[in-house]
Amino acid sequence: MKHRIKLRPDEVKDFVCAATKCTFDVDISYNSFIVDAKSIIGVLGLNFNQVLTVAYNGYDADFEQYLSKFAVAC
């Protein structure tokens, strides 16, 4: 699954915490720069002026609901 989101630096801690609760790998990226969404250092290195893409293979209802707060219209 892929979701396009907008994230602010002050939301990173909560985002990483939500991703860490998933039992599957979660990546976050923009352009060709991809990091592990469960790594706070990796996520803080992203450009928050860009629309970010969250990609994962799995399903977690709580994570889906959490991501909906940051959704960007395509």
PDB file of N, CA and C in Angstrom:
ATOM      1  N   MET A   1       0.841  -1.172   0.000  1.00  0.00           N
ATOM      2  CA  MET A   1       0.000   0.000   0.000  1.00  0.00           C
ATOM      3  C   MET A   1       0.890   1.241   0.000  1.00  0.00           C
ATOM      4  N   LYS A   2       0.384   2.290  -0.593  1.00  0.00           N
ATOM      5  CA  LYS A   2       1.094   3.562  -0.609  1.00  0.00           C
ATOM      6  C   LYS A   2       0.135   4.681  -0.243  1.00  0.00           C
ATOM      7  N   HIS A   3       0.640   5.606   0.559  1.00  0.00           N
ATOM      8  CA  HIS A   3      -0.128   6.790   0.935  1.00  0.00           C
ATOM      9  C   HIS A   3       0.775   8.003   0.768  1.00  0.00           C
ATOM     10  N   ARG A   4       0.214   9.078   0.240  1.00  0.00           N
ATOM     11  CA  ARG A   4       0.943  10.337   0.119  1.00  0.00           C
ATOM     12  C   ARG A   4       0.517  11.219   1.285  1.00  0.00           C
ATOM     13  N   ILE A   5       1.521  11.710   2.014  1.00  0.00           N
ATOM     14  CA  ILE A   5       1.231  12.498   3.213  1.00  0.00           C
ATOM     15  C   ILE A   5       2.089  13.753   3.268  1.00  0.00           C
ATOM     16  N   LYS A   6       1.688  14.678   4.095  1.00  0.00           N
ATOM     17  CA  LYS A   6       2.466  15.863   4.444  1.00  0.00           C
ATOM     18  C   LYS A   6       2.731  15.750   5.934  1.00  0.00           C
ATOM     19  N   LEU A   7       3.980  15.878   6.347  1.00  0.00           N
ATOM     20  CA  LEU A   7       4.370  15.688   7.736  1.00  0.00           C
ATOM     21  C   LEU A   7       5.191  16.893   8.183  1.00  0.00           C
ATOM     22  N   ARG A   8       4.971  17.330   9.413  1.00  0.00           N
ATOM     23  CA  ARG A   8       5.763  18.426   9.981  1.00  0.00           C
ATOM     24  C   ARG A   8       6.789  17.836  10.944  1.00  0.00           C
ATOM     25  N   PRO A   9       7.914  18.520  11.145  1.00  0.00           N
ATOM     26  CA  PRO A   9       8.949  17.996  12.049  1.00  0.00           C
ATOM     27  C   PRO A   9       8.435  17.685  13.457  1.00  0.00           C
ATOM     28  N   ASP A  10       7.482  18.461  13.962  1.00  0.00           N
ATOM     29  CA  ASP A  10       6.974  18.219  15.312  1.00  0.00           C
ATOM     30  C   ASP A  10       6.058  16.992  15.391  1.00  0.00           C
ATOM     31  N   GLU A  11       5.706  16.404  14.242  1.00  0.00           N
ATOM     32  CA  GLU A  11       4.857  15.209  14.206  1.00  0.00           C
ATOM     33  C   GLU A  11       5.658  13.917  14.026  1.00  0.00           C
ATOM     34  N   VAL A  12       6.962  14.048  13.866  1.00  0.00           N
ATOM     35  CA  VAL A  12       7.811  12.888  13.562  1.00  0.00           C
ATOM     36  C   VAL A  12       7.798  11.848  14.681  1.00  0.00           C
ATOM     37  N   LYS A  13       7.914  12.269  15.918  1.00  0.00           N
ATOM     38  CA  LYS A  13       7.962  11.314  17.029  1.00  0.00           C
ATOM     39  C   LYS A  13       6.713  10.437  17.042  1.00  0.00           C
ATOM     40  N   ASP A  14       5.531  11.040  16.908  1.00  0.00           N
ATOM     41  CA  ASP A  14       4.285  10.274  16.906  1.00  0.00           C
ATOM     42  C   ASP A  14       4.179   9.381  15.680  1.00  0.00           C
ATOM     43  N   PHE A  15       4.642   9.878  14.526  1.00  0.00           N
ATOM     44  CA  PHE A  15       4.604   9.082  13.303  1.00  0.00           C
ATOM     45  C   PHE A  15       5.468   7.839  13.450  1.00  0.00           C
ATOM     46  N   VAL A  16       6.687   7.996  13.929  1.00  0.00           N
ATOM     47  CA  VAL A  16       7.604   6.866  14.101  1.00  0.00           C
ATOM     48  C   VAL A  16       7.036   5.880  15.129  1.00  0.00           C
ATOM     49  N   CYS A  17       6.432   6.384  16.178  1.00  0.00           N
ATOM     50  CA  CYS A  17       5.818   5.522  17.189  1.00  0.00           C
ATOM     51  C   CYS A  17       4.695   4.689  16.567  1.00  0.00           C
ATOM     52  N   ALA A  18       3.866   5.305  15.734  1.00  0.00           N
ATOM     53  CA  ALA A  18       2.774   4.582  15.070  1.00  0.00           C
ATOM     54  C   ALA A  18       3.329   3.537  14.101  1.00  0.00           C
ATOM     55  N   ALA A  19       4.375   3.883  13.359  1.00  0.00           N
ATOM     56  CA  ALA A  19       4.978   2.944  12.409  1.00  0.00           C
ATOM     57  C   ALA A  19       5.629   1.769  13.141  1.00  0.00           C
ATOM     58  N   THR A  20       6.225   2.039  14.295  1.00  0.00           N
ATOM     59  CA  THR A  20       6.903   0.997  15.063  1.00  0.00           C
ATOM     60  C   THR A  20       5.927  -0.069  15.565  1.00  0.00           C
ATOM     61  N   LYS A  21       4.689   0.292  15.770  1.00  0.00           N
ATOM     62  CA  LYS A  21       3.676  -0.659  16.237  1.00  0.00           C
ATOM     63  C   LYS A  21       3.264  -1.659  15.154  1.00  0.00           C
ATOM     64  N   CYS A  22       3.598  -1.372  13.903  1.00  0.00           N
ATOM     65  CA  CYS A  22       3.257  -2.270  12.793  1.00  0.00           C
ATOM     66  C   CYS A  22       4.192  -3.479  12.805  1.00  0.00           C
ATOM     67  N   THR A  23       3.654  -4.631  12.451  1.00  0.00           N
ATOM     68  CA  THR A  23       4.458  -5.863  12.429  1.00  0.00           C
ATOM     69  C   THR A  23       5.153  -6.063  11.085  1.00  0.00           C
ATOM     70  N   PHE A  24       4.986  -5.145  10.173  1.00  0.00           N
ATOM     71  CA  PHE A  24       5.573  -5.218   8.836  1.00  0.00           C
ATOM     72  C   PHE A  24       6.468  -4.007   8.612  1.00  0.00           C
ATOM     73  N   ASP A  25       7.307  -4.069   7.571  1.00  0.00           N
ATOM     74  CA  ASP A  25       8.200  -2.953   7.244  1.00  0.00           C
ATOM     75  C   ASP A  25       7.401  -1.776   6.710  1.00  0.00           C
ATOM     76  N   VAL A  26       7.816  -0.577   7.109  1.00  0.00           N
ATOM     77  CA  VAL A  26       7.186   0.660   6.639  1.00  0.00           C
ATOM     78  C   VAL A  26       8.317   1.570   6.163  1.00  0.00           C
ATOM     79  N   ASP A  27       8.216   2.042   4.920  1.00  0.00           N
ATOM     80  CA  ASP A  27       9.199   2.973   4.367  1.00  0.00           C
ATOM     81  C   ASP A  27       8.528   4.301   4.101  1.00  0.00           C
ATOM     82  N   ILE A  28       9.300   5.366   4.159  1.00  0.00           N
ATOM     83  CA  ILE A  28       8.806   6.695   3.810  1.00  0.00           C
ATOM     84  C   ILE A  28       9.823   7.310   2.855  1.00  0.00           C
ATOM     85  N   SER A  29       9.339   7.981   1.831  1.00  0.00           N
ATOM     86  CA  SER A  29      10.246   8.464   0.794  1.00  0.00           C
ATOM     87  C   SER A  29       9.732   9.731   0.120  1.00  0.00           C
ATOM     88  N   TYR A  30      10.642  10.380  -0.587  1.00  0.00           N
ATOM     89  CA  TYR A  30      10.317  11.404  -1.572  1.00  0.00           C
ATOM     90  C   TYR A  30      11.409  11.334  -2.629  1.00  0.00           C
ATOM     91  N   ASN A  31      11.001  11.544  -3.872  1.00  0.00           N
ATOM     92  CA  ASN A  31      11.889  11.343  -5.016  1.00  0.00           C
ATOM     93  C   ASN A  31      12.530   9.959  -4.897  1.00  0.00           C
ATOM     94  N   SER A  32      13.842   9.845  -4.890  1.00  0.00           N
ATOM     95  CA  SER A  32      14.489   8.536  -4.783  1.00  0.00           C
ATOM     96  C   SER A  32      15.104   8.307  -3.401  1.00  0.00           C
ATOM     97  N   PHE A  33      14.800   9.162  -2.455  1.00  0.00           N
ATOM     98  CA  PHE A  33      15.329   9.063  -1.094  1.00  0.00           C
ATOM     99  C   PHE A  33      14.341   8.260  -0.241  1.00  0.00           C
ATOM    100  N   ILE A  34      14.735   7.056   0.200  1.00  0.00           N
ATOM    101  CA  ILE A  34      13.868   6.157   0.962  1.00  0.00           C
ATOM    102  C   ILE A  34      14.515   5.852   2.311  1.00  0.00           C
ATOM    103  N   VAL A  35      13.715   5.968   3.382  1.00  0.00           N
ATOM    104  CA  VAL A  35      14.207   5.628   4.720  1.00  0.00           C
ATOM    105  C   VAL A  35      13.201   4.729   5.429  1.00  0.00           C
ATOM    106  N   ASP A  36      13.677   4.047   6.448  1.00  0.00           N
ATOM    107  CA  ASP A  36      12.834   3.215   7.294  1.00  0.00           C
ATOM    108  C   ASP A  36      11.978   4.141   8.159  1.00  0.00           C
ATOM    109  N   ALA A  37      10.660   3.992   8.070  1.00  0.00           N
ATOM    110  CA  ALA A  37       9.754   4.866   8.822  1.00  0.00           C
ATOM    111  C   ALA A  37       9.806   4.608  10.324  1.00  0.00           C
ATOM    112  N   LYS A  38      10.467   3.530  10.730  1.00  0.00           N
ATOM    113  CA  LYS A  38      10.594   3.222  12.151  1.00  0.00           C
ATOM    114  C   LYS A  38      11.859   3.826  12.749  1.00  0.00           C
ATOM    115  N   SER A  39      12.607   4.591  11.935  1.00  0.00           N
ATOM    116  CA  SER A  39      13.845   5.232  12.370  1.00  0.00           C
ATOM    117  C   SER A  39      13.623   6.731  12.529  1.00  0.00           C
ATOM    118  N   ILE A  40      13.655   7.210  13.759  1.00  0.00           N
ATOM    119  CA  ILE A  40      13.420   8.632  13.993  1.00  0.00           C
ATOM    120  C   ILE A  40      14.496   9.486  13.329  1.00  0.00           C
ATOM    121  N   ILE A  41      15.745   9.029  13.351  1.00  0.00           N
ATOM    122  CA  ILE A  41      16.839   9.773  12.707  1.00  0.00           C
ATOM    123  C   ILE A  41      16.628   9.820  11.191  1.00  0.00           C
ATOM    124  N   GLY A  42      16.233   8.705  10.610  1.00  0.00           N
ATOM    125  CA  GLY A  42      15.975   8.656   9.172  1.00  0.00           C
ATOM    126  C   GLY A  42      14.853   9.587   8.770  1.00  0.00           C
ATOM    127  N   VAL A  43      13.756   9.547   9.504  1.00  0.00           N
ATOM    128  CA  VAL A  43      12.601  10.386   9.167  1.00  0.00           C
ATOM    129  C   VAL A  43      12.927  11.858   9.363  1.00  0.00           C
ATOM    130  N   LEU A  44      13.675  12.194  10.394  1.00  0.00           N
ATOM    131  CA  LEU A  44      14.052  13.600  10.614  1.00  0.00           C
ATOM    132  C   LEU A  44      14.943  14.137   9.496  1.00  0.00           C
ATOM    133  N   GLY A  45      15.596  13.248   8.747  1.00  0.00           N
ATOM    134  CA  GLY A  45      16.455  13.669   7.641  1.00  0.00           C
ATOM    135  C   GLY A  45      15.696  13.992   6.359  1.00  0.00           C
ATOM    136  N   LEU A  46      14.377  13.799   6.366  1.00  0.00           N
ATOM    137  CA  LEU A  46      13.576  14.057   5.167  1.00  0.00           C
ATOM    138  C   LEU A  46      13.309  15.547   4.982  1.00  0.00           C
ATOM    139  N   ASN A  47      12.940  15.912   3.772  1.00  0.00           N
ATOM    140  CA  ASN A  47      12.564  17.279   3.449  1.00  0.00           C
ATOM    141  C   ASN A  47      11.061  17.416   3.684  1.00  0.00           C
ATOM    142  N   PHE A  48      10.666  18.106   4.735  1.00  0.00           N
ATOM    143  CA  PHE A  48       9.256  18.214   5.094  1.00  0.00           C
ATOM    144  C   PHE A  48       8.487  19.212   4.234  1.00  0.00           C
ATOM    145  N   ASN A  49       9.169  19.872   3.306  1.00  0.00           N
ATOM    146  CA  ASN A  49       8.482  20.735   2.347  1.00  0.00           C
ATOM    147  C   ASN A  49       7.918  19.927   1.189  1.00  0.00           C
ATOM    148  N   GLN A  50       8.303  18.668   1.100  1.00  0.00           N
ATOM    149  CA  GLN A  50       7.871  17.781   0.021  1.00  0.00           C
ATOM    150  C   GLN A  50       6.698  16.907   0.478  1.00  0.00           C
ATOM    151  N   VAL A  51       5.912  16.449  -0.496  1.00  0.00           N
ATOM    152  CA  VAL A  51       4.906  15.425  -0.212  1.00  0.00           C
ATOM    153  C   VAL A  51       5.659  14.113  -0.077  1.00  0.00           C
ATOM    154  N   LEU A  52       5.411  13.380   0.989  1.00  0.00           N
ATOM    155  CA  LEU A  52       6.110  12.137   1.281  1.00  0.00           C
ATOM    156  C   LEU A  52       5.224  10.951   0.932  1.00  0.00           C
ATOM    157  N   THR A  53       5.852   9.847   0.558  1.00  0.00           N
ATOM    158  CA  THR A  53       5.122   8.623   0.239  1.00  0.00           C
ATOM    159  C   THR A  53       5.451   7.573   1.285  1.00  0.00           C
ATOM    160  N   VAL A  54       4.410   7.044   1.922  1.00  0.00           N
ATOM    161  CA  VAL A  54       4.561   5.962   2.897  1.00  0.00           C
ATOM    162  C   VAL A  54       4.172   4.676   2.181  1.00  0.00           C
ATOM    163  N   ALA A  55       5.076   3.696   2.170  1.00  0.00           N
ATOM    164  CA  ALA A  55       4.839   2.424   1.468  1.00  0.00           C
ATOM    165  C   ALA A  55       5.058   1.261   2.423  1.00  0.00           C
ATOM    166  N   TYR A  56       4.159   0.263   2.327  1.00  0.00           N
ATOM    167  CA  TYR A  56       4.273  -0.922   3.172  1.00  0.00           C
ATOM    168  C   TYR A  56       3.439  -2.050   2.606  1.00  0.00           C
ATOM    169  N   ASN A  57       3.770  -3.261   3.021  1.00  0.00           N
ATOM    170  CA  ASN A  57       3.018  -4.456   2.647  1.00  0.00           C
ATOM    171  C   ASN A  57       2.464  -5.054   3.924  1.00  0.00           C
ATOM    172  N   GLY A  58       1.214  -4.851   4.154  1.00  0.00           N
ATOM    173  CA  GLY A  58       0.569  -5.331   5.367  1.00  0.00           C
ATOM    174  C   GLY A  58      -0.637  -4.466   5.648  1.00  0.00           C
ATOM    175  N   TYR A  59      -1.346  -4.782   6.723  1.00  0.00           N
ATOM    176  CA  TYR A  59      -2.519  -3.987   7.082  1.00  0.00           C
ATOM    177  C   TYR A  59      -2.602  -3.864   8.592  1.00  0.00           C
ATOM    178  N   ASP A  60      -2.783  -2.650   9.049  1.00  0.00           N
ATOM    179  CA  ASP A  60      -3.006  -2.353  10.451  1.00  0.00           C
ATOM    180  C   ASP A  60      -4.036  -1.220  10.491  1.00  0.00           C
ATOM    181  N   ALA A  61      -5.221  -1.506  11.003  1.00  0.00           N
ATOM    182  CA  ALA A  61      -6.313  -0.527  10.993  1.00  0.00           C
ATOM    183  C   ALA A  61      -5.935   0.761  11.732  1.00  0.00           C
ATOM    184  N   ASP A  62      -5.248   0.637  12.863  1.00  0.00           N
ATOM    185  CA  ASP A  62      -4.851   1.825  13.618  1.00  0.00           C
ATOM    186  C   ASP A  62      -3.880   2.699  12.821  1.00  0.00           C
ATOM    187  N   PHE A  63      -2.925   2.065  12.136  1.00  0.00           N
ATOM    188  CA  PHE A  63      -1.962   2.815  11.329  1.00  0.00           C
ATOM    189  C   PHE A  63      -2.661   3.497  10.151  1.00  0.00           C
ATOM    190  N   GLU A  64      -3.599   2.790   9.518  1.00  0.00           N
ATOM    191  CA  GLU A  64      -4.364   3.381   8.404  1.00  0.00           C
ATOM    192  C   GLU A  64      -5.106   4.628   8.878  1.00  0.00           C
ATOM    193  N   GLN A  65      -5.742   4.530  10.036  1.00  0.00           N
ATOM    194  CA  GLN A  65      -6.483   5.662  10.577  1.00  0.00           C
ATOM    195  C   GLN A  65      -5.532   6.801  10.931  1.00  0.00           C
ATOM    196  N   TYR A  66      -4.383   6.475  11.495  1.00  0.00           N
ATOM    197  CA  TYR A  66      -3.385   7.489  11.836  1.00  0.00           C
ATOM    198  C   TYR A  66      -2.913   8.230  10.580  1.00  0.00           C
ATOM    199  N   LEU A  67      -2.615   7.491   9.513  1.00  0.00           N
ATOM    200  CA  LEU A  67      -2.134   8.109   8.280  1.00  0.00           C
ATOM    201  C   LEU A  67      -3.186   9.013   7.635  1.00  0.00           C
ATOM    202  N   SER A  68      -4.442   8.724   7.844  1.00  0.00           N
ATOM    203  CA  SER A  68      -5.494   9.527   7.212  1.00  0.00           C
ATOM    204  C   SER A  68      -5.449  10.984   7.672  1.00  0.00           C
ATOM    205  N   LYS A  69      -4.873  11.255   8.857  1.00  0.00           N
ATOM    206  CA  LYS A  69      -4.737  12.635   9.347  1.00  0.00           C
ATOM    207  C   LYS A  69      -3.780  13.454   8.481  1.00  0.00           C
ATOM    208  N   PHE A  70      -2.854  12.783   7.809  1.00  0.00           N
ATOM    209  CA  PHE A  70      -1.812  13.473   7.049  1.00  0.00           C
ATOM    210  C   PHE A  70      -1.994  13.365   5.540  1.00  0.00           C
ATOM    211  N   ALA A  71      -3.102  12.762   5.107  1.00  0.00           N
ATOM    212  CA  ALA A  71      -3.327  12.479   3.691  1.00  0.00           C
ATOM    213  C   ALA A  71      -3.297  13.743   2.829  1.00  0.00           C
ATOM    214  N   VAL A  72      -2.740  13.581   1.637  1.00  0.00           N
ATOM    215  CA  VAL A  72      -2.674  14.661   0.644  1.00  0.00           C
ATOM    216  C   VAL A  72      -3.472  14.196  -0.559  1.00  0.00           C
ATOM    217  N   ALA A  73      -4.308  15.078  -1.079  1.00  0.00           N
ATOM    218  CA  ALA A  73      -5.084  14.740  -2.272  1.00  0.00           C
ATOM    219  C   ALA A  73      -4.150  14.606  -3.470  1.00  0.00           C
ATOM    220  N   CYS A  74      -4.378  13.606  -4.277  1.00  0.00           N
ATOM    221  CA  CYS A  74      -3.516  13.371  -5.450  1.00  0.00           C
ATOM    222  C   CYS A  74      -3.977  14.183  -6.622  1.00  0.00           C
TER     223      CYS A  74
END
